[in-house]
Amino acid sequence: MTRRPKLRSFIGTILIILIVSIYALLATTIATATLATAPWWGHLLYFLLTGLLWVIPAMLIIKWMAGPFKNKDAD
């Protein structure tokens, strides 16, 4: 059973908001606890990596939100 596109979009949007919020809090907490004495390039690498890492789960959710593609020529 597939979900309706509007419901998928709503659920996906809520999931992305939750994941990004939790991820940002977790990444900031880890940075605060571990990067206090790190050099500037350590901060740069950490925030570059963590700033891009959230994209992977967001991409998966967006792919799920799009749903299966139907081939119109198959009919």
N, C-alpha and C. Protein backbone atom coordinates (compact mmCIF):
# COMPACT_ATOMS: atom_id res chain seq x y z
N MET A 1 0.85 -1.19 0.00
CA MET A 1 0.00 0.00 0.00
C MET A 1 0.89 1.24 0.00
N THR A 2 0.65 2.09 -0.92
CA THR A 2 1.43 3.33 -0.98
C THR A 2 0.64 4.47 -0.38
N ARG A 3 1.35 5.37 0.24
CA ARG A 3 0.70 6.53 0.85
C ARG A 3 0.43 7.57 -0.22
N ARG A 4 -0.58 8.38 0.03
CA ARG A 4 -0.88 9.48 -0.88
C ARG A 4 0.28 10.47 -0.88
N PRO A 5 0.53 11.12 -2.01
CA PRO A 5 1.65 12.07 -2.09
C PRO A 5 1.61 13.19 -1.05
N LYS A 6 0.44 13.73 -0.75
CA LYS A 6 0.36 14.82 0.23
C LYS A 6 0.75 14.33 1.62
N LEU A 7 0.31 13.12 1.98
CA LEU A 7 0.65 12.57 3.28
C LEU A 7 2.15 12.27 3.35
N ARG A 8 2.70 11.72 2.27
CA ARG A 8 4.15 11.47 2.23
C ARG A 8 4.93 12.76 2.41
N SER A 9 4.49 13.81 1.75
CA SER A 9 5.18 15.10 1.85
C SER A 9 5.12 15.65 3.27
N PHE A 10 3.97 15.53 3.89
CA PHE A 10 3.81 16.02 5.26
C PHE A 10 4.70 15.23 6.23
N ILE A 11 4.64 13.91 6.14
CA ILE A 11 5.46 13.06 7.03
C ILE A 11 6.94 13.32 6.78
N GLY A 12 7.34 13.40 5.51
CA GLY A 12 8.74 13.65 5.17
C GLY A 12 9.23 14.99 5.68
N THR A 13 8.40 16.00 5.55
CA THR A 13 8.78 17.33 6.03
C THR A 13 8.99 17.33 7.54
N ILE A 14 8.08 16.71 8.26
CA ILE A 14 8.21 16.61 9.73
C ILE A 14 9.47 15.84 10.10
N LEU A 15 9.73 14.73 9.39
CA LEU A 15 10.93 13.93 9.67
C LEU A 15 12.21 14.73 9.41
N ILE A 16 12.26 15.46 8.32
CA ILE A 16 13.45 16.25 8.01
C ILE A 16 13.68 17.33 9.07
N ILE A 17 12.61 17.99 9.49
CA ILE A 17 12.74 19.01 10.53
C ILE A 17 13.26 18.40 11.83
N LEU A 18 12.72 17.25 12.21
CA LEU A 18 13.17 16.58 13.44
C LEU A 18 14.62 16.12 13.33
N ILE A 19 14.96 15.50 12.22
CA ILE A 19 16.33 14.99 12.05
C ILE A 19 17.34 16.13 12.05
N VAL A 20 17.06 17.20 11.33
CA VAL A 20 18.00 18.33 11.28
C VAL A 20 18.13 19.00 12.64
N SER A 21 17.03 19.14 13.36
CA SER A 21 17.08 19.76 14.69
C SER A 21 17.89 18.92 15.67
N ILE A 22 17.60 17.64 15.71
CA ILE A 22 18.34 16.74 16.62
C ILE A 22 19.80 16.65 16.22
N TYR A 23 20.06 16.56 14.93
CA TYR A 23 21.43 16.48 14.43
C TYR A 23 22.22 17.74 14.78
N ALA A 24 21.61 18.90 14.61
CA ALA A 24 22.30 20.15 14.93
C ALA A 24 22.64 20.24 16.42
N LEU A 25 21.69 19.85 17.26
CA LEU A 25 21.96 19.86 18.71
C LEU A 25 23.07 18.88 19.07
N LEU A 26 23.03 17.70 18.49
CA LEU A 26 24.05 16.69 18.77
C LEU A 26 25.42 17.13 18.26
N ALA A 27 25.49 17.64 17.04
CA ALA A 27 26.77 18.09 16.48
C ALA A 27 27.36 19.25 17.27
N THR A 28 26.52 20.17 17.71
CA THR A 28 26.99 21.31 18.49
C THR A 28 27.46 20.86 19.87
N THR A 29 26.74 19.93 20.48
CA THR A 29 27.14 19.41 21.78
C THR A 29 28.49 18.71 21.70
N ILE A 30 28.67 17.89 20.68
CA ILE A 30 29.95 17.20 20.50
C ILE A 30 31.07 18.20 20.25
N ALA A 31 30.80 19.22 19.44
CA ALA A 31 31.82 20.24 19.15
C ALA A 31 32.20 20.99 20.42
N THR A 32 31.23 21.34 21.21
CA THR A 32 31.50 22.07 22.46
C THR A 32 32.34 21.23 23.42
N ALA A 33 32.05 19.95 23.47
CA ALA A 33 32.76 19.07 24.40
C ALA A 33 34.16 18.70 23.92
N THR A 34 34.38 18.65 22.62
CA THR A 34 35.66 18.11 22.13
C THR A 34 36.57 19.12 21.43
N LEU A 35 36.04 20.22 20.94
CA LEU A 35 36.86 21.12 20.13
C LEU A 35 37.35 22.36 20.86
N ALA A 36 37.25 22.36 22.17
CA ALA A 36 37.63 23.55 22.93
C ALA A 36 39.09 23.93 22.70
N THR A 37 39.97 22.96 22.62
CA THR A 37 41.40 23.25 22.46
C THR A 37 41.92 22.91 21.07
N ALA A 38 41.03 22.59 20.16
CA ALA A 38 41.44 22.22 18.81
C ALA A 38 41.86 23.46 18.02
N PRO A 39 42.77 23.27 17.07
CA PRO A 39 43.16 24.41 16.22
C PRO A 39 42.03 24.81 15.27
N TRP A 40 42.21 25.94 14.61
CA TRP A 40 41.15 26.46 13.73
C TRP A 40 40.80 25.48 12.62
N TRP A 41 41.80 24.77 12.09
CA TRP A 41 41.51 23.85 11.00
C TRP A 41 40.73 22.64 11.49
N GLY A 42 40.87 22.30 12.76
CA GLY A 42 40.06 21.22 13.35
C GLY A 42 38.59 21.61 13.39
N HIS A 43 38.34 22.85 13.78
CA HIS A 43 36.98 23.38 13.77
C HIS A 43 36.42 23.40 12.35
N LEU A 44 37.24 23.87 11.42
CA LEU A 44 36.81 23.95 10.03
C LEU A 44 36.44 22.58 9.48
N LEU A 45 37.29 21.60 9.68
CA LEU A 45 37.01 20.25 9.19
C LEU A 45 35.78 19.65 9.84
N TYR A 46 35.67 19.83 11.17
CA TYR A 46 34.53 19.27 11.88
C TYR A 46 33.22 19.86 11.37
N PHE A 47 33.15 21.19 11.29
CA PHE A 47 31.90 21.81 10.89
C PHE A 47 31.63 21.64 9.39
N LEU A 48 32.66 21.50 8.59
CA LEU A 48 32.46 21.19 7.17
C LEU A 48 31.85 19.79 7.03
N LEU A 49 32.41 18.83 7.74
CA LEU A 49 31.90 17.46 7.68
C LEU A 49 30.49 17.37 8.25
N THR A 50 30.29 17.90 9.44
CA THR A 50 28.96 17.79 10.05
C THR A 50 27.93 18.67 9.34
N GLY A 51 28.40 19.71 8.70
CA GLY A 51 27.48 20.56 7.95
C GLY A 51 26.96 19.90 6.69
N LEU A 52 27.70 18.95 6.16
CA LEU A 52 27.28 18.25 4.96
C LEU A 52 26.67 16.87 5.24
N LEU A 53 26.95 16.30 6.39
CA LEU A 53 26.54 14.93 6.69
C LEU A 53 25.03 14.76 6.82
N TRP A 54 24.32 15.79 7.23
CA TRP A 54 22.87 15.68 7.39
C TRP A 54 22.16 15.51 6.05
N VAL A 55 22.85 15.82 4.97
CA VAL A 55 22.24 15.74 3.65
C VAL A 55 21.89 14.29 3.28
N ILE A 56 22.66 13.32 3.75
CA ILE A 56 22.42 11.92 3.39
C ILE A 56 21.05 11.44 3.87
N PRO A 57 20.71 11.56 5.17
CA PRO A 57 19.37 11.12 5.55
C PRO A 57 18.27 11.98 4.92
N ALA A 58 18.54 13.26 4.72
CA ALA A 58 17.54 14.13 4.09
C ALA A 58 17.27 13.69 2.65
N MET A 59 18.32 13.28 1.93
CA MET A 59 18.15 12.80 0.57
C MET A 59 17.29 11.54 0.53
N LEU A 60 17.54 10.65 1.47
CA LEU A 60 16.76 9.41 1.53
C LEU A 60 15.28 9.69 1.81
N ILE A 61 15.03 10.63 2.70
CA ILE A 61 13.64 10.99 3.01
C ILE A 61 12.98 11.65 1.80
N ILE A 62 13.70 12.54 1.13
CA ILE A 62 13.14 13.19 -0.05
C ILE A 62 12.87 12.18 -1.16
N LYS A 63 13.76 11.21 -1.31
CA LYS A 63 13.53 10.15 -2.29
C LYS A 63 12.27 9.37 -1.95
N TRP A 64 12.08 9.07 -0.66
CA TRP A 64 10.88 8.36 -0.22
C TRP A 64 9.64 9.22 -0.46
N MET A 65 9.75 10.51 -0.20
CA MET A 65 8.62 11.42 -0.40
C MET A 65 8.18 11.45 -1.86
N ALA A 66 9.13 11.34 -2.78
CA ALA A 66 8.81 11.38 -4.20
C ALA A 66 8.01 10.15 -4.62
N GLY A 67 8.19 9.05 -3.90
CA GLY A 67 7.44 7.84 -4.19
C GLY A 67 7.95 7.14 -5.43
N PRO A 68 7.33 6.01 -5.74
CA PRO A 68 7.74 5.26 -6.93
C PRO A 68 7.31 5.99 -8.20
N PHE A 69 8.17 5.97 -9.17
CA PHE A 69 7.85 6.61 -10.45
C PHE A 69 7.09 5.62 -11.31
N LYS A 70 5.99 6.07 -11.86
CA LYS A 70 5.17 5.21 -12.71
C LYS A 70 5.51 5.48 -14.16
N ASN A 71 5.63 4.40 -14.92
CA ASN A 71 5.91 4.51 -16.34
C ASN A 71 4.59 4.68 -17.07
N LYS A 72 4.35 5.85 -17.64
CA LYS A 72 3.09 6.14 -18.31
C LYS A 72 2.95 5.37 -19.62
N ASP A 73 4.07 4.96 -20.22
CA ASP A 73 4.03 4.26 -21.49
C ASP A 73 3.71 2.77 -21.33
N ALA A 74 3.71 2.25 -20.11
CA ALA A 74 3.50 0.82 -19.88
C ALA A 74 2.06 0.43 -20.12
N ASP A 75 1.11 1.35 -20.05
CA ASP A 75 -0.31 0.99 -20.22
C ASP A 75 -0.68 0.80 -21.65
